[in-house]
């Protein structure tokens, strides 16, 4: 059950949701990745610890959202 930790799910979810918001405001396409990197940098500064699990789950959430949007837009012929 170590893979399904709540904090990993949270990082995946916010990376996914922030990136999906790019449909309405394009700078949000990069927000999922940017927020993940900034959050981990702040953790490194304040706690002296960088969590690679949090980082990779946030990035994975953003990539999943981009794939979801790409496939969905192509399927609906949005251009």
PDB file of N, CA and C in Angstrom:
ATOM      1  N   UNK A   1       0.811  -1.198   0.000  1.00  0.00           N
ATOM      2  CA  UNK A   1       0.000   0.000   0.000  1.00  0.00           C
ATOM      3  C   UNK A   1       0.856   1.264   0.000  1.00  0.00           C
ATOM      4  N   UNK A   2       2.151   1.124  -0.028  1.00  0.00           N
ATOM      5  CA  UNK A   2       3.009   2.289  -0.001  1.00  0.00           C
ATOM      6  C   UNK A   2       2.851   3.165  -1.242  1.00  0.00           C
ATOM      7  N   UNK A   3       2.492   2.567  -2.373  1.00  0.00           N
ATOM      8  CA  UNK A   3       2.334   3.311  -3.614  1.00  0.00           C
ATOM      9  C   UNK A   3       1.095   4.204  -3.566  1.00  0.00           C
ATOM     10  N   UNK A   4       0.080   3.815  -2.818  1.00  0.00           N
ATOM     11  CA  UNK A   4      -1.194   4.540  -2.798  1.00  0.00           C
ATOM     12  C   UNK A   4      -1.317   5.464  -1.591  1.00  0.00           C
ATOM     13  N   UNK A   5      -0.219   6.039  -1.151  1.00  0.00           N
ATOM     14  CA  UNK A   5      -0.275   6.954  -0.012  1.00  0.00           C
ATOM     15  C   UNK A   5      -1.092   8.188  -0.363  1.00  0.00           C
ATOM     16  N   UNK A   6      -1.759   8.761   0.639  1.00  0.00           N
ATOM     17  CA  UNK A   6      -2.625   9.921   0.429  1.00  0.00           C
ATOM     18  C   UNK A   6      -1.852  11.117  -0.098  1.00  0.00           C
ATOM     19  N   UNK A   7      -0.641  11.338   0.380  1.00  0.00           N
ATOM     20  CA  UNK A   7       0.106  12.504  -0.093  1.00  0.00           C
ATOM     21  C   UNK A   7       0.499  12.353  -1.564  1.00  0.00           C
ATOM     22  N   UNK A   8       0.786  11.140  -2.013  1.00  0.00           N
ATOM     23  CA  UNK A   8       1.074  10.926  -3.428  1.00  0.00           C
ATOM     24  C   UNK A   8      -0.171  11.175  -4.271  1.00  0.00           C
ATOM     25  N   UNK A   9      -1.314  10.714  -3.772  1.00  0.00           N
ATOM     26  CA  UNK A   9      -2.562  10.946  -4.493  1.00  0.00           C
ATOM     27  C   UNK A   9      -2.877  12.429  -4.576  1.00  0.00           C
ATOM     28  N   UNK A  10      -2.598  13.166  -3.513  1.00  0.00           N
ATOM     29  CA  UNK A  10      -2.821  14.603  -3.512  1.00  0.00           C
ATOM     30  C   UNK A  10      -1.949  15.291  -4.557  1.00  0.00           C
ATOM     31  N   UNK A  11      -0.685  14.937  -4.645  1.00  0.00           N
ATOM     32  CA  UNK A  11       0.214  15.536  -5.630  1.00  0.00           C
ATOM     33  C   UNK A  11      -0.233  15.200  -7.046  1.00  0.00           C
ATOM     34  N   UNK A  12      -0.637  13.967  -7.279  1.00  0.00           N
ATOM     35  CA  UNK A  12      -1.146  13.581  -8.598  1.00  0.00           C
ATOM     36  C   UNK A  12      -2.394  14.396  -8.927  1.00  0.00           C
ATOM     37  N   UNK A  13      -3.318  14.498  -7.958  1.00  0.00           N
ATOM     38  CA  UNK A  13      -4.588  15.186  -8.186  1.00  0.00           C
ATOM     39  C   UNK A  13      -4.365  16.662  -8.484  1.00  0.00           C
ATOM     40  N   UNK A  14      -3.511  17.343  -7.722  1.00  0.00           N
ATOM     41  CA  UNK A  14      -3.363  18.774  -7.991  1.00  0.00           C
ATOM     42  C   UNK A  14      -2.599  19.021  -9.279  1.00  0.00           C
ATOM     43  N   UNK A  15      -1.647  18.156  -9.620  1.00  0.00           N
ATOM     44  CA  UNK A  15      -0.993  18.285 -10.921  1.00  0.00           C
ATOM     45  C   UNK A  15      -1.978  18.092 -12.062  1.00  0.00           C
ATOM     46  N   UNK A  16      -2.869  17.123 -11.906  1.00  0.00           N
ATOM     47  CA  UNK A  16      -3.881  16.815 -12.921  1.00  0.00           C
ATOM     48  C   UNK A  16      -4.888  17.955 -13.058  1.00  0.00           C
ATOM     49  N   UNK A  17      -5.450  18.405 -11.935  1.00  0.00           N
ATOM     50  CA  UNK A  17      -6.497  19.428 -11.955  1.00  0.00           C
ATOM     51  C   UNK A  17      -5.953  20.781 -12.431  1.00  0.00           C
ATOM     52  N   UNK A  18      -4.797  21.176 -11.947  1.00  0.00           N
ATOM     53  CA  UNK A  18      -4.240  22.456 -12.389  1.00  0.00           C
ATOM     54  C   UNK A  18      -3.954  22.458 -13.883  1.00  0.00           C
ATOM     55  N   UNK A  19      -3.461  21.352 -14.393  1.00  0.00           N
ATOM     56  CA  UNK A  19      -3.182  21.265 -15.823  1.00  0.00           C
ATOM     57  C   UNK A  19      -4.474  21.268 -16.629  1.00  0.00           C
ATOM     58  N   UNK A  20      -5.519  20.613 -16.137  1.00  0.00           N
ATOM     59  CA  UNK A  20      -6.813  20.632 -16.833  1.00  0.00           C
ATOM     60  C   UNK A  20      -7.379  22.046 -16.920  1.00  0.00           C
ATOM     61  N   UNK A  21      -7.081  22.886 -15.945  1.00  0.00           N
ATOM     62  CA  UNK A  21      -7.588  24.253 -15.950  1.00  0.00           C
ATOM     63  C   UNK A  21      -7.022  25.062 -17.115  1.00  0.00           C
ATOM     64  N   UNK A  22      -6.001  24.549 -17.773  1.00  0.00           N
ATOM     65  CA  UNK A  22      -5.436  25.210 -18.937  1.00  0.00           C
ATOM     66  C   UNK A  22      -6.421  25.345 -20.083  1.00  0.00           C
ATOM     67  N   UNK A  23      -7.499  24.592 -20.049  1.00  0.00           N
ATOM     68  CA  UNK A  23      -8.542  24.714 -21.062  1.00  0.00           C
ATOM     69  C   UNK A  23      -9.145  26.117 -21.012  1.00  0.00           C
ATOM     70  N   UNK A  24      -9.279  26.668 -19.810  1.00  0.00           N
ATOM     71  CA  UNK A  24      -9.894  27.984 -19.643  1.00  0.00           C
ATOM     72  C   UNK A  24      -8.880  29.121 -19.602  1.00  0.00           C
ATOM     73  N   UNK A  25      -7.688  28.850 -19.124  1.00  0.00           N
ATOM     74  CA  UNK A  25      -6.646  29.877 -19.054  1.00  0.00           C
ATOM     75  C   UNK A  25      -5.310  29.204 -19.343  1.00  0.00           C
ATOM     76  N   UNK A  26      -4.757  29.404 -20.540  1.00  0.00           N
ATOM     77  CA  UNK A  26      -3.579  28.655 -20.994  1.00  0.00           C
ATOM     78  C   UNK A  26      -2.365  28.620 -20.062  1.00  0.00           C
ATOM     79  N   UNK A  27      -2.071  29.646 -19.247  1.00  0.00           N
ATOM     80  CA  UNK A  27      -0.921  29.498 -18.349  1.00  0.00           C
ATOM     81  C   UNK A  27      -1.050  28.319 -17.371  1.00  0.00           C
ATOM     82  N   UNK A  28      -2.269  27.862 -17.152  1.00  0.00           N
ATOM     83  CA  UNK A  28      -2.446  26.721 -16.253  1.00  0.00           C
ATOM     84  C   UNK A  28      -1.935  25.408 -16.849  1.00  0.00           C
ATOM     85  N   UNK A  29      -1.678  25.356 -18.137  1.00  0.00           N
ATOM     86  CA  UNK A  29      -1.099  24.133 -18.698  1.00  0.00           C
ATOM     87  C   UNK A  29       0.227  23.807 -18.028  1.00  0.00           C
ATOM     88  N   UNK A  30       0.966  24.824 -17.641  1.00  0.00           N
ATOM     89  CA  UNK A  30       2.252  24.623 -16.971  1.00  0.00           C
ATOM     90  C   UNK A  30       2.140  24.676 -15.450  1.00  0.00           C
ATOM     91  N   UNK A  31       0.974  25.023 -14.942  1.00  0.00           N
ATOM     92  CA  UNK A  31       0.818  25.220 -13.498  1.00  0.00           C
ATOM     93  C   UNK A  31       1.025  23.936 -12.699  1.00  0.00           C
ATOM     94  N   UNK A  32       0.564  22.810 -13.201  1.00  0.00           N
ATOM     95  CA  UNK A  32       0.729  21.559 -12.468  1.00  0.00           C
ATOM     96  C   UNK A  32       2.187  21.235 -12.213  1.00  0.00           C
ATOM     97  N   UNK A  33       3.005  21.409 -13.221  1.00  0.00           N
ATOM     98  CA  UNK A  33       4.439  21.141 -13.079  1.00  0.00           C
ATOM     99  C   UNK A  33       5.093  22.227 -12.228  1.00  0.00           C
ATOM    100  N   UNK A  34       4.742  23.484 -12.482  1.00  0.00           N
ATOM    101  CA  UNK A  34       5.347  24.595 -11.743  1.00  0.00           C
ATOM    102  C   UNK A  34       5.038  24.507 -10.253  1.00  0.00           C
ATOM    103  N   UNK A  35       3.797  24.232  -9.900  1.00  0.00           N
ATOM    104  CA  UNK A  35       3.418  24.144  -8.486  1.00  0.00           C
ATOM    105  C   UNK A  35       4.124  22.977  -7.811  1.00  0.00           C
ATOM    106  N   UNK A  36       4.257  21.874  -8.509  1.00  0.00           N
ATOM    107  CA  UNK A  36       4.960  20.718  -7.942  1.00  0.00           C
ATOM    108  C   UNK A  36       6.419  21.054  -7.651  1.00  0.00           C
ATOM    109  N   UNK A  37       7.091  21.669  -8.605  1.00  0.00           N
ATOM    110  CA  UNK A  37       8.504  22.014  -8.417  1.00  0.00           C
ATOM    111  C   UNK A  37       8.670  23.056  -7.320  1.00  0.00           C
ATOM    112  N   UNK A  38       7.808  24.075  -7.308  1.00  0.00           N
ATOM    113  CA  UNK A  38       7.896  25.117  -6.275  1.00  0.00           C
ATOM    114  C   UNK A  38       7.633  24.538  -4.895  1.00  0.00           C
ATOM    115  N   UNK A  39       6.647  23.674  -4.784  1.00  0.00           N
ATOM    116  CA  UNK A  39       6.319  23.067  -3.489  1.00  0.00           C
ATOM    117  C   UNK A  39       7.487  22.242  -2.969  1.00  0.00           C
ATOM    118  N   UNK A  40       8.106  21.474  -3.838  1.00  0.00           N
ATOM    119  CA  UNK A  40       9.239  20.660  -3.405  1.00  0.00           C
ATOM    120  C   UNK A  40      10.451  21.521  -3.076  1.00  0.00           C
ATOM    121  N   UNK A  41      10.634  22.612  -3.812  1.00  0.00           N
ATOM    122  CA  UNK A  41      11.727  23.529  -3.491  1.00  0.00           C
ATOM    123  C   UNK A  41      11.507  24.169  -2.122  1.00  0.00           C
ATOM    124  N   UNK A  42      10.266  24.520  -1.813  1.00  0.00           N
ATOM    125  CA  UNK A  42       9.956  25.079  -0.496  1.00  0.00           C
ATOM    126  C   UNK A  42      10.153  24.039   0.611  1.00  0.00           C
ATOM    127  N   UNK A  43       9.811  22.781   0.329  1.00  0.00           N
ATOM    128  CA  UNK A  43      10.073  21.707   1.297  1.00  0.00           C
ATOM    129  C   UNK A  43      11.573  21.534   1.532  1.00  0.00           C
ATOM    130  N   UNK A  44      12.341  21.625   0.460  1.00  0.00           N
ATOM    131  CA  UNK A  44      13.790  21.509   0.590  1.00  0.00           C
ATOM    132  C   UNK A  44      14.343  22.658   1.430  1.00  0.00           C
ATOM    133  N   UNK A  45      13.828  23.854   1.220  1.00  0.00           N
ATOM    134  CA  UNK A  45      14.288  25.022   1.966  1.00  0.00           C
ATOM    135  C   UNK A  45      13.863  24.965   3.433  1.00  0.00           C
ATOM    136  N   UNK A  46      12.598  24.589   3.700  1.00  0.00           N
ATOM    137  CA  UNK A  46      12.087  24.639   5.071  1.00  0.00           C
ATOM    138  C   UNK A  46      12.381  23.367   5.871  1.00  0.00           C
ATOM    139  N   UNK A  47      12.266  22.203   5.230  1.00  0.00           N
ATOM    140  CA  UNK A  47      12.432  20.929   5.940  1.00  0.00           C
ATOM    141  C   UNK A  47      13.751  20.232   5.625  1.00  0.00           C
ATOM    142  N   UNK A  48      14.507  20.820   4.702  1.00  0.00           N
ATOM    143  CA  UNK A  48      15.776  20.220   4.251  1.00  0.00           C
ATOM    144  C   UNK A  48      15.579  18.816   3.688  1.00  0.00           C
ATOM    145  N   UNK A  49      14.452  18.658   2.971  1.00  0.00           N
ATOM    146  CA  UNK A  49      14.106  17.342   2.426  1.00  0.00           C
ATOM    147  C   UNK A  49      13.367  17.508   1.104  1.00  0.00           C
ATOM    148  N   UNK A  50      13.818  16.797   0.087  1.00  0.00           N
ATOM    149  CA  UNK A  50      13.157  16.771  -1.223  1.00  0.00           C
ATOM    150  C   UNK A  50      12.551  15.384  -1.372  1.00  0.00           C
ATOM    151  N   UNK A  51      11.250  15.306  -1.589  1.00  0.00           N
ATOM    152  CA  UNK A  51      10.579  14.008  -1.731  1.00  0.00           C
ATOM    153  C   UNK A  51      10.371  13.706  -3.215  1.00  0.00           C
ATOM    154  N   UNK A  52      11.130  12.738  -3.699  1.00  0.00           N
ATOM    155  CA  UNK A  52      11.012  12.388  -5.109  1.00  0.00           C
ATOM    156  C   UNK A  52       9.660  11.774  -5.429  1.00  0.00           C
ATOM    157  N   UNK A  53       9.036  11.102  -4.480  1.00  0.00           N
ATOM    158  CA  UNK A  53       7.703  10.539  -4.709  1.00  0.00           C
ATOM    159  C   UNK A  53       6.685  11.629  -4.989  1.00  0.00           C
ATOM    160  N   UNK A  54       6.669  12.661  -4.160  1.00  0.00           N
ATOM    161  CA  UNK A  54       5.763  13.797  -4.378  1.00  0.00           C
ATOM    162  C   UNK A  54       6.021  14.435  -5.735  1.00  0.00           C
ATOM    163  N   UNK A  55       7.294  14.624  -6.052  1.00  0.00           N
ATOM    164  CA  UNK A  55       7.679  15.259  -7.306  1.00  0.00           C
ATOM    165  C   UNK A  55       7.175  14.451  -8.505  1.00  0.00           C
ATOM    166  N   UNK A  56       7.466  13.164  -8.532  1.00  0.00           N
ATOM    167  CA  UNK A  56       7.102  12.354  -9.692  1.00  0.00           C
ATOM    168  C   UNK A  56       5.599  12.162  -9.819  1.00  0.00           C
ATOM    169  N   UNK A  57       4.879  12.065  -8.695  1.00  0.00           N
ATOM    170  CA  UNK A  57       3.422  11.942  -8.786  1.00  0.00           C
ATOM    171  C   UNK A  57       2.791  13.232  -9.293  1.00  0.00           C
ATOM    172  N   UNK A  58       3.319  14.392  -8.899  1.00  0.00           N
ATOM    173  CA  UNK A  58       2.817  15.663  -9.423  1.00  0.00           C
ATOM    174  C   UNK A  58       3.067  15.794 -10.916  1.00  0.00           C
ATOM    175  N   UNK A  59       4.269  15.429 -11.349  1.00  0.00           N
ATOM    176  CA  UNK A  59       4.605  15.474 -12.780  1.00  0.00           C
ATOM    177  C   UNK A  59       3.738  14.478 -13.551  1.00  0.00           C
ATOM    178  N   UNK A  60       3.555  13.281 -13.000  1.00  0.00           N
ATOM    179  CA  UNK A  60       2.719  12.269 -13.650  1.00  0.00           C
ATOM    180  C   UNK A  60       1.280  12.752 -13.793  1.00  0.00           C
ATOM    181  N   UNK A  61       0.756  13.447 -12.787  1.00  0.00           N
ATOM    182  CA  UNK A  61      -0.595  14.001 -12.871  1.00  0.00           C
ATOM    183  C   UNK A  61      -0.713  15.012 -13.993  1.00  0.00           C
ATOM    184  N   UNK A  62       0.289  15.864 -14.137  1.00  0.00           N
ATOM    185  CA  UNK A  62       0.279  16.868 -15.208  1.00  0.00           C
ATOM    186  C   UNK A  62       0.364  16.210 -16.584  1.00  0.00           C
ATOM    187  N   UNK A  63       1.234  15.243 -16.716  1.00  0.00           N
ATOM    188  CA  UNK A  63       1.386  14.548 -17.999  1.00  0.00           C
ATOM    189  C   UNK A  63       0.103  13.792 -18.347  1.00  0.00           C
ATOM    190  N   UNK A  64      -0.506  13.166 -17.356  1.00  0.00           N
ATOM    191  CA  UNK A  64      -1.765  12.451 -17.586  1.00  0.00           C
ATOM    192  C   UNK A  64      -2.853  13.406 -18.068  1.00  0.00           C
ATOM    193  N   UNK A  65      -2.929  14.598 -17.475  1.00  0.00           N
ATOM    194  CA  UNK A  65      -3.917  15.592 -17.900  1.00  0.00           C
ATOM    195  C   UNK A  65      -3.646  16.054 -19.327  1.00  0.00           C
ATOM    196  N   UNK A  66      -2.378  16.275 -19.673  1.00  0.00           N
ATOM    197  CA  UNK A  66      -2.058  16.699 -21.036  1.00  0.00           C
ATOM    198  C   UNK A  66      -2.433  15.620 -22.054  1.00  0.00           C
ATOM    199  N   UNK A  67      -2.167  14.375 -21.716  1.00  0.00           N
ATOM    200  CA  UNK A  67      -2.556  13.268 -22.609  1.00  0.00           C
ATOM    201  C   UNK A  67      -4.071  13.193 -22.720  1.00  0.00           C
ATOM    202  N   UNK A  68      -4.750  13.329 -21.592  1.00  0.00           N
ATOM    203  CA  UNK A  68      -6.212  13.303 -21.575  1.00  0.00           C
ATOM    204  C   UNK A  68      -6.785  14.407 -22.465  1.00  0.00           C
ATOM    205  N   UNK A  69      -6.245  15.614 -22.348  1.00  0.00           N
ATOM    206  CA  UNK A  69      -6.723  16.729 -23.162  1.00  0.00           C
ATOM    207  C   UNK A  69      -6.388  16.521 -24.636  1.00  0.00           C
ATOM    208  N   UNK A  70      -5.200  16.034 -24.931  1.00  0.00           N
ATOM    209  CA  UNK A  70      -4.802  15.813 -26.315  1.00  0.00           C
ATOM    210  C   UNK A  70      -5.686  14.774 -26.991  1.00  0.00           C
ATOM    211  N   UNK A  71      -5.908  13.660 -26.323  1.00  0.00           N
ATOM    212  CA  UNK A  71      -6.743  12.599 -26.889  1.00  0.00           C
ATOM    213  C   UNK A  71      -8.183  13.070 -27.010  1.00  0.00           C
ATOM    214  N   UNK A  72      -8.697  13.751 -25.979  1.00  0.00           N
ATOM    215  CA  UNK A  72     -10.077  14.232 -25.999  1.00  0.00           C
ATOM    216  C   UNK A  72     -10.311  15.267 -27.077  1.00  0.00           C
ATOM    217  N   UNK A  73      -9.377  16.199 -27.246  1.00  0.00           N
ATOM    218  CA  UNK A  73      -9.537  17.242 -28.271  1.00  0.00           C
ATOM    219  C   UNK A  73      -9.448  16.658 -29.665  1.00  0.00           C
ATOM    220  N   UNK A  74      -8.566  15.707 -29.868  1.00  0.00           N
ATOM    221  CA  UNK A  74      -8.466  15.073 -31.188  1.00  0.00           C
ATOM    222  C   UNK A  74      -9.693  14.222 -31.485  1.00  0.00           C
ATOM    223  N   UNK A  75     -10.249  13.618 -30.465  1.00  0.00           N
ATOM    224  CA  UNK A  75     -11.429  12.782 -30.671  1.00  0.00           C
ATOM    225  C   UNK A  75     -12.649  13.628 -31.013  1.00  0.00           C
ATOM    226  N   UNK A  76     -12.718  14.824 -30.446  1.00  0.00           N
ATOM    227  CA  UNK A  76     -13.841  15.718 -30.707  1.00  0.00           C
ATOM    228  C   UNK A  76     -13.569  16.681 -31.861  1.00  0.00           C
ATOM    229  N   UNK A  77     -12.393  16.545 -32.466  1.00  0.00           N
ATOM    230  CA  UNK A  77     -11.960  17.396 -33.581  1.00  0.00           C
ATOM    231  C   UNK A  77     -11.912  18.870 -33.201  1.00  0.00           C
ATOM    232  N   UNK A  78     -11.460  19.167 -31.981  1.00  0.00           N
ATOM    233  CA  UNK A  78     -11.238  20.545 -31.571  1.00  0.00           C
ATOM    234  C   UNK A  78      -9.877  20.974 -32.074  1.00  0.00           C
ATOM    235  N   UNK A  79      -9.789  22.119 -32.630  1.00  0.00           N
ATOM    236  CA  UNK A  79      -8.492  22.591 -33.111  1.00  0.00           C
ATOM    237  C   UNK A  79      -8.328  24.037 -32.826  1.00  0.00           C
TER     238      UNK A  79
END
